[in-house]
N, C-alpha and C. Protein backbone atom coordinates (compact mmCIF):
# COMPACT_ATOMS: atom_id res chain seq x y z
N MET A 1 96.13 26.99 38.52
CA MET A 1 95.75 26.11 39.61
C MET A 1 94.24 26.21 39.84
N ASN A 2 93.67 25.10 40.10
CA ASN A 2 92.26 25.03 40.44
C ASN A 2 92.05 25.73 41.79
N PRO A 3 91.14 26.71 41.87
CA PRO A 3 90.96 27.42 43.14
C PRO A 3 90.52 26.51 44.28
N SER A 4 89.74 25.50 43.98
CA SER A 4 89.30 24.58 45.02
C SER A 4 90.50 23.86 45.64
N THR A 5 91.42 23.43 44.80
CA THR A 5 92.64 22.75 45.28
C THR A 5 93.49 23.71 46.11
N HIS A 6 93.64 24.93 45.62
CA HIS A 6 94.43 25.93 46.34
C HIS A 6 93.85 26.20 47.73
N PHE A 7 92.55 26.45 47.78
CA PHE A 7 91.95 26.78 49.07
C PHE A 7 91.84 25.55 49.98
N ALA A 8 91.74 24.36 49.40
CA ALA A 8 91.79 23.15 50.22
C ALA A 8 93.15 23.03 50.91
N THR A 9 94.21 23.39 50.18
CA THR A 9 95.55 23.38 50.78
C THR A 9 95.63 24.39 51.92
N LEU A 10 95.09 25.58 51.71
CA LEU A 10 95.11 26.59 52.79
C LEU A 10 94.29 26.14 53.99
N ALA A 11 93.18 25.46 53.75
CA ALA A 11 92.37 24.96 54.86
C ALA A 11 93.11 23.87 55.63
N ARG A 12 93.79 22.97 54.91
CA ARG A 12 94.59 21.94 55.60
C ARG A 12 95.71 22.59 56.40
N TYR A 13 96.35 23.57 55.80
CA TYR A 13 97.42 24.27 56.51
C TYR A 13 96.89 24.97 57.76
N ASN A 14 95.77 25.62 57.65
CA ASN A 14 95.18 26.31 58.79
C ASN A 14 94.94 25.33 59.95
N ALA A 15 94.40 24.17 59.64
CA ALA A 15 94.14 23.16 60.67
C ALA A 15 95.45 22.61 61.23
N TRP A 16 96.39 22.30 60.37
CA TRP A 16 97.68 21.73 60.78
C TRP A 16 98.45 22.71 61.67
N ALA A 17 98.56 23.95 61.23
CA ALA A 17 99.32 24.96 61.99
C ALA A 17 98.64 25.27 63.32
N THR A 18 97.32 25.31 63.31
CA THR A 18 96.60 25.58 64.55
C THR A 18 96.81 24.45 65.55
N ARG A 19 96.75 23.20 65.10
CA ARG A 19 97.00 22.06 66.01
C ARG A 19 98.40 22.15 66.61
N ARG A 20 99.39 22.42 65.77
CA ARG A 20 100.77 22.50 66.27
C ARG A 20 100.94 23.65 67.27
N LEU A 21 100.31 24.78 66.97
CA LEU A 21 100.39 25.91 67.88
C LEU A 21 99.70 25.59 69.21
N LEU A 22 98.53 24.99 69.14
CA LEU A 22 97.80 24.65 70.37
C LEU A 22 98.58 23.64 71.22
N ASP A 23 99.29 22.72 70.58
CA ASP A 23 100.13 21.78 71.34
C ASP A 23 101.22 22.54 72.10
N ALA A 24 101.82 23.54 71.47
CA ALA A 24 102.87 24.33 72.14
C ALA A 24 102.28 25.17 73.26
N VAL A 25 101.15 25.78 73.01
CA VAL A 25 100.50 26.64 74.00
C VAL A 25 100.05 25.83 75.21
N ALA A 26 99.68 24.58 75.00
CA ALA A 26 99.22 23.72 76.10
C ALA A 26 100.28 23.55 77.18
N GLN A 27 101.54 23.76 76.82
CA GLN A 27 102.64 23.59 77.79
C GLN A 27 102.81 24.80 78.70
N LEU A 28 102.15 25.90 78.38
CA LEU A 28 102.31 27.14 79.16
C LEU A 28 101.61 27.06 80.51
N PRO A 29 102.24 27.60 81.54
CA PRO A 29 101.52 27.78 82.80
C PRO A 29 100.36 28.77 82.60
N GLU A 30 99.32 28.62 83.39
CA GLU A 30 98.13 29.47 83.26
C GLU A 30 98.47 30.95 83.32
N ALA A 31 99.36 31.33 84.22
CA ALA A 31 99.70 32.76 84.37
C ALA A 31 100.30 33.32 83.08
N ASP A 32 101.17 32.56 82.42
CA ASP A 32 101.77 33.01 81.16
C ASP A 32 100.74 33.02 80.04
N TYR A 33 99.86 32.04 80.04
CA TYR A 33 98.82 31.94 79.02
C TYR A 33 97.90 33.16 79.04
N ARG A 34 97.62 33.66 80.23
CA ARG A 34 96.68 34.78 80.37
C ARG A 34 97.38 36.14 80.53
N ARG A 35 98.69 36.16 80.64
CA ARG A 35 99.44 37.40 80.85
C ARG A 35 99.34 38.33 79.65
N ASP A 36 99.26 39.61 79.92
CA ASP A 36 99.32 40.62 78.86
C ASP A 36 100.75 40.65 78.35
N VAL A 37 100.96 40.15 77.14
CA VAL A 37 102.30 40.10 76.56
C VAL A 37 102.44 41.09 75.41
N GLY A 38 101.53 42.07 75.36
CA GLY A 38 101.64 43.14 74.40
C GLY A 38 101.06 42.84 73.03
N LEU A 39 100.29 41.77 72.90
CA LEU A 39 99.65 41.47 71.62
C LEU A 39 98.44 42.37 71.45
N PHE A 40 97.95 42.49 70.23
CA PHE A 40 96.80 43.35 69.98
C PHE A 40 95.61 42.94 70.85
N PHE A 41 95.45 41.64 71.06
CA PHE A 41 94.41 41.14 71.95
C PHE A 41 95.02 40.72 73.29
N ARG A 42 96.06 41.40 73.66
CA ARG A 42 96.79 41.35 74.91
C ARG A 42 97.49 40.00 75.16
N SER A 43 96.75 38.99 75.53
CA SER A 43 97.34 37.73 75.95
C SER A 43 97.27 36.68 74.84
N ILE A 44 97.92 35.56 75.10
CA ILE A 44 97.79 34.43 74.18
C ILE A 44 96.34 33.96 74.18
N HIS A 45 95.73 33.89 75.35
CA HIS A 45 94.32 33.51 75.41
C HIS A 45 93.47 34.50 74.59
N GLY A 46 93.68 35.79 74.79
CA GLY A 46 92.90 36.78 74.06
C GLY A 46 93.05 36.66 72.56
N THR A 47 94.25 36.32 72.11
CA THR A 47 94.51 36.20 70.68
C THR A 47 93.89 34.92 70.12
N LEU A 48 93.98 33.81 70.87
CA LEU A 48 93.31 32.58 70.44
C LEU A 48 91.80 32.78 70.42
N ASN A 49 91.27 33.46 71.41
CA ASN A 49 89.84 33.75 71.45
C ASN A 49 89.44 34.58 70.23
N HIS A 50 90.26 35.56 69.87
CA HIS A 50 89.99 36.38 68.69
C HIS A 50 89.98 35.51 67.43
N LEU A 51 90.87 34.54 67.34
CA LEU A 51 90.85 33.64 66.20
C LEU A 51 89.54 32.87 66.14
N LEU A 52 89.05 32.42 67.28
CA LEU A 52 87.76 31.73 67.32
C LEU A 52 86.64 32.65 66.84
N VAL A 53 86.62 33.86 67.37
CA VAL A 53 85.57 34.81 66.99
C VAL A 53 85.66 35.13 65.50
N GLY A 54 86.84 35.53 65.04
CA GLY A 54 86.97 35.97 63.66
C GLY A 54 86.78 34.86 62.65
N GLU A 55 87.52 33.79 62.82
CA GLU A 55 87.52 32.72 61.82
C GLU A 55 86.28 31.84 61.88
N GLN A 56 85.89 31.46 63.08
CA GLN A 56 84.83 30.47 63.22
C GLN A 56 83.44 31.07 63.44
N LEU A 57 83.35 32.15 64.20
CA LEU A 57 82.04 32.69 64.56
C LEU A 57 81.58 33.82 63.64
N LEU A 58 82.50 34.46 62.94
CA LEU A 58 82.12 35.51 61.99
C LEU A 58 82.27 35.05 60.54
N TRP A 59 83.50 34.70 60.13
CA TRP A 59 83.72 34.41 58.72
C TRP A 59 83.08 33.09 58.28
N PHE A 60 83.19 32.05 59.08
CA PHE A 60 82.62 30.77 58.65
C PHE A 60 81.12 30.89 58.36
N PRO A 61 80.32 31.46 59.25
CA PRO A 61 78.89 31.61 58.92
C PRO A 61 78.65 32.49 57.68
N ARG A 62 79.49 33.47 57.48
CA ARG A 62 79.33 34.32 56.28
C ARG A 62 79.51 33.49 55.01
N PHE A 63 80.54 32.65 55.00
CA PHE A 63 80.82 31.83 53.83
C PHE A 63 79.87 30.63 53.73
N ALA A 64 79.57 29.99 54.85
CA ALA A 64 78.79 28.75 54.83
C ALA A 64 77.29 28.97 54.74
N GLU A 65 76.80 30.02 55.40
CA GLU A 65 75.35 30.19 55.54
C GLU A 65 74.85 31.53 55.02
N GLY A 66 75.75 32.42 54.66
CA GLY A 66 75.34 33.74 54.20
C GLY A 66 74.77 34.62 55.30
N VAL A 67 75.15 34.34 56.55
CA VAL A 67 74.68 35.15 57.68
C VAL A 67 75.87 35.84 58.35
N SER A 68 75.60 36.98 58.93
CA SER A 68 76.64 37.76 59.60
C SER A 68 76.27 37.97 61.06
N PRO A 69 76.78 37.12 61.95
CA PRO A 69 76.49 37.30 63.37
C PRO A 69 76.97 38.67 63.86
N ARG A 70 76.30 39.20 64.86
CA ARG A 70 76.69 40.48 65.45
C ARG A 70 77.60 40.20 66.64
N LEU A 71 78.88 40.27 66.40
CA LEU A 71 79.90 40.06 67.42
C LEU A 71 80.95 41.13 67.28
N ALA A 72 81.61 41.44 68.38
CA ALA A 72 82.78 42.31 68.34
C ALA A 72 84.02 41.42 68.25
N LEU A 73 85.06 41.92 67.63
CA LEU A 73 86.26 41.12 67.43
C LEU A 73 86.96 40.73 68.72
N ASP A 74 86.65 41.44 69.82
CA ASP A 74 87.27 41.10 71.10
C ASP A 74 86.28 40.49 72.09
N ASP A 75 85.08 40.10 71.63
CA ASP A 75 84.15 39.39 72.51
C ASP A 75 84.81 38.12 73.01
N GLU A 76 84.64 37.83 74.29
CA GLU A 76 85.19 36.57 74.79
C GLU A 76 84.16 35.47 74.54
N ALA A 77 84.44 34.68 73.54
CA ALA A 77 83.53 33.61 73.13
C ALA A 77 83.72 32.35 73.96
N GLU A 78 84.94 32.15 74.46
CA GLU A 78 85.23 30.94 75.22
C GLU A 78 86.30 31.21 76.28
N PRO A 79 85.86 31.41 77.53
CA PRO A 79 86.82 31.69 78.60
C PRO A 79 87.64 30.48 79.04
N ASP A 80 87.09 29.28 78.84
CA ASP A 80 87.79 28.07 79.28
C ASP A 80 88.89 27.69 78.30
N ARG A 81 90.08 27.56 78.81
CA ARG A 81 91.27 27.31 77.98
C ARG A 81 91.18 26.02 77.18
N ALA A 82 90.81 24.92 77.82
CA ALA A 82 90.74 23.64 77.13
C ALA A 82 89.61 23.64 76.09
N ARG A 83 88.50 24.21 76.45
CA ARG A 83 87.36 24.26 75.52
C ARG A 83 87.69 25.17 74.33
N LEU A 84 88.41 26.25 74.57
CA LEU A 84 88.82 27.14 73.47
C LEU A 84 89.70 26.37 72.48
N ALA A 85 90.67 25.63 72.98
CA ALA A 85 91.54 24.85 72.10
C ALA A 85 90.72 23.83 71.31
N GLN A 86 89.79 23.18 71.96
CA GLN A 86 88.95 22.19 71.29
C GLN A 86 88.10 22.85 70.20
N ARG A 87 87.49 23.97 70.51
CA ARG A 87 86.65 24.67 69.53
C ARG A 87 87.48 25.16 68.34
N LEU A 88 88.70 25.64 68.61
CA LEU A 88 89.56 26.07 67.50
C LEU A 88 89.91 24.89 66.60
N SER A 89 90.28 23.77 67.20
CA SER A 89 90.62 22.58 66.41
C SER A 89 89.44 22.10 65.59
N GLU A 90 88.30 22.00 66.23
CA GLU A 90 87.10 21.55 65.52
C GLU A 90 86.71 22.53 64.42
N GLY A 91 86.84 23.80 64.70
CA GLY A 91 86.46 24.82 63.73
C GLY A 91 87.33 24.79 62.49
N THR A 92 88.64 24.61 62.67
CA THR A 92 89.52 24.59 61.50
C THR A 92 89.20 23.41 60.60
N ALA A 93 88.71 22.33 61.17
CA ALA A 93 88.39 21.13 60.38
C ALA A 93 87.14 21.32 59.52
N ARG A 94 86.34 22.32 59.79
CA ARG A 94 85.10 22.53 59.03
C ARG A 94 85.33 23.21 57.68
N TRP A 95 86.48 23.88 57.52
CA TRP A 95 86.69 24.64 56.28
C TRP A 95 86.88 23.76 55.05
N ALA A 96 87.65 22.69 55.15
CA ALA A 96 87.95 21.86 53.96
C ALA A 96 86.67 21.28 53.34
N PRO A 97 85.76 20.68 54.11
CA PRO A 97 84.53 20.17 53.49
C PRO A 97 83.67 21.28 52.87
N LEU A 98 83.66 22.45 53.50
CA LEU A 98 82.91 23.57 52.94
C LEU A 98 83.49 23.97 51.59
N ILE A 99 84.79 24.11 51.52
CA ILE A 99 85.45 24.49 50.28
C ILE A 99 85.20 23.45 49.19
N ALA A 100 85.25 22.18 49.57
CA ALA A 100 85.02 21.10 48.59
C ALA A 100 83.59 21.13 48.04
N SER A 101 82.67 21.71 48.78
CA SER A 101 81.27 21.74 48.35
C SER A 101 80.97 22.82 47.31
N TRP A 102 81.87 23.76 47.13
CA TRP A 102 81.61 24.87 46.21
C TRP A 102 82.00 24.52 44.78
N PRO A 103 81.18 24.93 43.81
CA PRO A 103 81.60 24.76 42.41
C PRO A 103 82.75 25.75 42.10
N ALA A 104 83.54 25.40 41.12
CA ALA A 104 84.72 26.23 40.79
C ALA A 104 84.35 27.68 40.53
N GLY A 105 83.21 27.93 39.91
CA GLY A 105 82.80 29.29 39.60
C GLY A 105 82.54 30.15 40.82
N ARG A 106 82.29 29.53 41.95
CA ARG A 106 82.00 30.30 43.17
C ARG A 106 83.17 31.20 43.56
N PHE A 107 84.38 30.75 43.29
CA PHE A 107 85.57 31.51 43.67
C PHE A 107 85.71 32.81 42.89
N ASP A 108 85.03 32.91 41.76
CA ASP A 108 85.06 34.12 40.95
C ASP A 108 83.96 35.10 41.35
N GLY A 109 83.14 34.71 42.30
CA GLY A 109 82.00 35.54 42.69
C GLY A 109 82.33 36.56 43.76
N VAL A 110 81.27 37.00 44.41
CA VAL A 110 81.34 38.03 45.45
C VAL A 110 80.77 37.45 46.74
N LEU A 111 81.34 37.85 47.86
CA LEU A 111 80.79 37.51 49.17
C LEU A 111 80.12 38.77 49.70
N SER A 112 78.82 38.69 49.89
CA SER A 112 78.08 39.80 50.49
C SER A 112 77.83 39.46 51.95
N TYR A 113 78.07 40.42 52.82
CA TYR A 113 77.89 40.19 54.25
C TYR A 113 77.69 41.53 54.94
N THR A 114 77.48 41.47 56.24
CA THR A 114 77.36 42.67 57.05
C THR A 114 78.56 42.73 57.98
N THR A 115 79.22 43.87 58.05
CA THR A 115 80.41 44.02 58.90
C THR A 115 80.02 43.99 60.38
N THR A 116 81.02 43.95 61.23
CA THR A 116 80.76 43.96 62.67
C THR A 116 80.16 45.28 63.12
N ARG A 117 80.26 46.31 62.28
CA ARG A 117 79.64 47.61 62.59
C ARG A 117 78.24 47.72 61.99
N GLY A 118 77.77 46.63 61.39
CA GLY A 118 76.43 46.62 60.84
C GLY A 118 76.30 47.20 59.44
N GLU A 119 77.42 47.41 58.76
CA GLU A 119 77.40 47.99 57.41
C GLU A 119 77.45 46.89 56.36
N PRO A 120 76.68 47.03 55.29
CA PRO A 120 76.75 46.03 54.22
C PRO A 120 78.10 46.10 53.50
N ALA A 121 78.58 44.93 53.08
CA ALA A 121 79.84 44.85 52.35
C ALA A 121 79.71 43.77 51.28
N ALA A 122 80.42 43.95 50.20
CA ALA A 122 80.50 42.95 49.14
C ALA A 122 81.93 42.97 48.62
N LEU A 123 82.62 41.85 48.78
CA LEU A 123 84.03 41.75 48.41
C LEU A 123 84.25 40.54 47.51
N PRO A 124 85.35 40.54 46.75
CA PRO A 124 85.66 39.37 45.92
C PRO A 124 85.77 38.11 46.79
N PHE A 125 85.06 37.09 46.39
CA PHE A 125 84.96 35.86 47.18
C PHE A 125 86.33 35.25 47.49
N ALA A 126 87.13 34.98 46.46
CA ALA A 126 88.42 34.30 46.65
C ALA A 126 89.38 35.15 47.48
N ALA A 127 89.43 36.44 47.23
CA ALA A 127 90.34 37.31 47.99
C ALA A 127 89.92 37.38 49.45
N THR A 128 88.63 37.36 49.71
CA THR A 128 88.15 37.43 51.09
C THR A 128 88.42 36.11 51.81
N LEU A 129 88.27 35.00 51.11
CA LEU A 129 88.62 33.71 51.70
C LEU A 129 90.12 33.65 51.99
N THR A 130 90.92 34.21 51.10
CA THR A 130 92.36 34.30 51.35
C THR A 130 92.61 35.09 52.63
N HIS A 131 91.87 36.16 52.83
CA HIS A 131 92.00 36.95 54.05
C HIS A 131 91.80 36.09 55.30
N VAL A 132 90.80 35.23 55.29
CA VAL A 132 90.51 34.39 56.46
C VAL A 132 91.74 33.58 56.84
N PHE A 133 92.35 32.93 55.86
CA PHE A 133 93.51 32.10 56.16
C PHE A 133 94.75 32.93 56.47
N ASN A 134 94.91 34.06 55.80
CA ASN A 134 96.03 34.95 56.08
C ASN A 134 95.92 35.52 57.50
N HIS A 135 94.72 35.86 57.91
CA HIS A 135 94.46 36.39 59.24
C HIS A 135 94.91 35.39 60.31
N GLY A 136 94.58 34.12 60.11
CA GLY A 136 95.01 33.09 61.05
C GLY A 136 96.53 32.99 61.12
N THR A 137 97.18 33.06 59.95
CA THR A 137 98.64 33.01 59.91
C THR A 137 99.23 34.18 60.67
N HIS A 138 98.67 35.34 60.48
CA HIS A 138 99.14 36.55 61.17
C HIS A 138 99.10 36.38 62.69
N HIS A 139 97.97 35.96 63.20
CA HIS A 139 97.84 35.85 64.66
C HIS A 139 98.60 34.65 65.22
N ARG A 140 98.72 33.56 64.47
CA ARG A 140 99.58 32.46 64.95
C ARG A 140 101.02 32.95 65.05
N GLY A 141 101.44 33.78 64.11
CA GLY A 141 102.79 34.36 64.18
C GLY A 141 102.98 35.21 65.41
N GLN A 142 101.97 35.99 65.77
CA GLN A 142 102.06 36.79 66.99
C GLN A 142 102.22 35.89 68.21
N ILE A 143 101.46 34.81 68.24
CA ILE A 143 101.53 33.91 69.39
C ILE A 143 102.88 33.22 69.47
N THR A 144 103.46 32.83 68.32
CA THR A 144 104.78 32.21 68.38
C THR A 144 105.82 33.20 68.89
N ALA A 145 105.68 34.47 68.52
CA ALA A 145 106.60 35.49 69.06
C ALA A 145 106.42 35.62 70.57
N ALA A 146 105.18 35.56 71.04
CA ALA A 146 104.93 35.65 72.48
C ALA A 146 105.52 34.43 73.20
N LEU A 147 105.39 33.25 72.61
CA LEU A 147 105.99 32.06 73.22
C LEU A 147 107.49 32.24 73.36
N THR A 148 108.13 32.73 72.31
CA THR A 148 109.57 32.96 72.35
C THR A 148 109.92 33.97 73.44
N ALA A 149 109.16 35.06 73.53
CA ALA A 149 109.42 36.08 74.55
C ALA A 149 109.24 35.52 75.96
N LEU A 150 108.37 34.53 76.10
CA LEU A 150 108.14 33.90 77.41
C LEU A 150 109.18 32.80 77.69
N GLY A 151 110.12 32.63 76.78
CA GLY A 151 111.17 31.63 76.98
C GLY A 151 110.74 30.21 76.67
N GLN A 152 109.67 30.09 75.90
CA GLN A 152 109.12 28.78 75.55
C GLN A 152 109.51 28.41 74.13
N PRO A 153 109.61 27.12 73.86
CA PRO A 153 109.83 26.72 72.46
C PRO A 153 108.57 27.01 71.65
N CYS A 154 108.77 27.38 70.41
CA CYS A 154 107.61 27.60 69.55
C CYS A 154 107.65 26.61 68.40
N PRO A 155 106.49 26.23 67.92
CA PRO A 155 106.45 25.22 66.87
C PRO A 155 106.86 25.79 65.52
N VAL A 156 107.32 24.91 64.67
CA VAL A 156 107.59 25.27 63.29
C VAL A 156 106.26 25.10 62.55
N ILE A 157 105.73 26.21 62.06
CA ILE A 157 104.40 26.15 61.44
C ILE A 157 104.37 26.78 60.05
N ASP A 158 105.50 26.82 59.37
CA ASP A 158 105.51 27.33 58.00
C ASP A 158 104.80 26.34 57.08
N LEU A 159 104.08 26.86 56.11
CA LEU A 159 103.34 26.06 55.15
C LEU A 159 104.23 25.02 54.48
N VAL A 160 105.44 25.39 54.13
CA VAL A 160 106.32 24.47 53.42
C VAL A 160 106.59 23.21 54.25
N TYR A 161 106.60 23.31 55.57
CA TYR A 161 106.83 22.13 56.41
C TYR A 161 105.63 21.19 56.35
N MET A 162 104.43 21.72 56.28
CA MET A 162 103.27 20.86 56.11
C MET A 162 103.34 20.16 54.76
N LEU A 163 103.69 20.91 53.71
CA LEU A 163 103.78 20.31 52.38
C LEU A 163 104.85 19.22 52.33
N GLN A 164 105.98 19.46 52.99
CA GLN A 164 107.03 18.43 53.04
C GLN A 164 106.54 17.20 53.80
N GLU A 165 105.85 17.44 54.91
CA GLU A 165 105.32 16.34 55.70
C GLU A 165 104.32 15.51 54.87
N GLU A 166 103.46 16.19 54.13
CA GLU A 166 102.48 15.49 53.31
C GLU A 166 103.11 14.73 52.16
N SER A 167 104.28 15.18 51.69
CA SER A 167 104.90 14.53 50.53
C SER A 167 105.75 13.31 50.90
N ARG A 168 106.00 13.12 52.20
CA ARG A 168 106.80 11.97 52.63
C ARG A 168 105.99 10.68 52.44
N PRO A 169 106.68 9.64 52.02
CA PRO A 169 105.97 8.34 51.89
C PRO A 169 105.48 7.88 53.27
N SER A 170 104.33 7.27 53.28
CA SER A 170 103.76 6.79 54.55
C SER A 170 104.42 5.53 55.03
């Protein structure tokens, strides 16, 4: 498989699953949205904020610009609930064009960056990009479990459902 095609699929999935999750989360009362439900970043808000920090404010600049912002993984980047959802949606849409801009050989390279602790790192490019999308899947799964625990319906966000949706005739 062409790595560009593979990662374009993961980028589409990331955007699709995030939109579906945000639609479900939008139905939550504010108290449930901000309640400590035992997630690593405590609340649904804290976990969505972490996704913004990790995926959009740390990893995207590393891949797109070769810069490593100095942020902590639990910095509150966006306290406003509606603005956080908007920034997450907009951010997920930026990955596909970035991936399309890379030559095929880029996926065989190395990503050099600085960690959140200020240490230099160099990792396999494709495996690290896989991490970005896997990380989002991990935390979306935590949020769907929290929705279930709060007695709320959770969206179906498995990759195969996006692929089935895309394969249906228009």
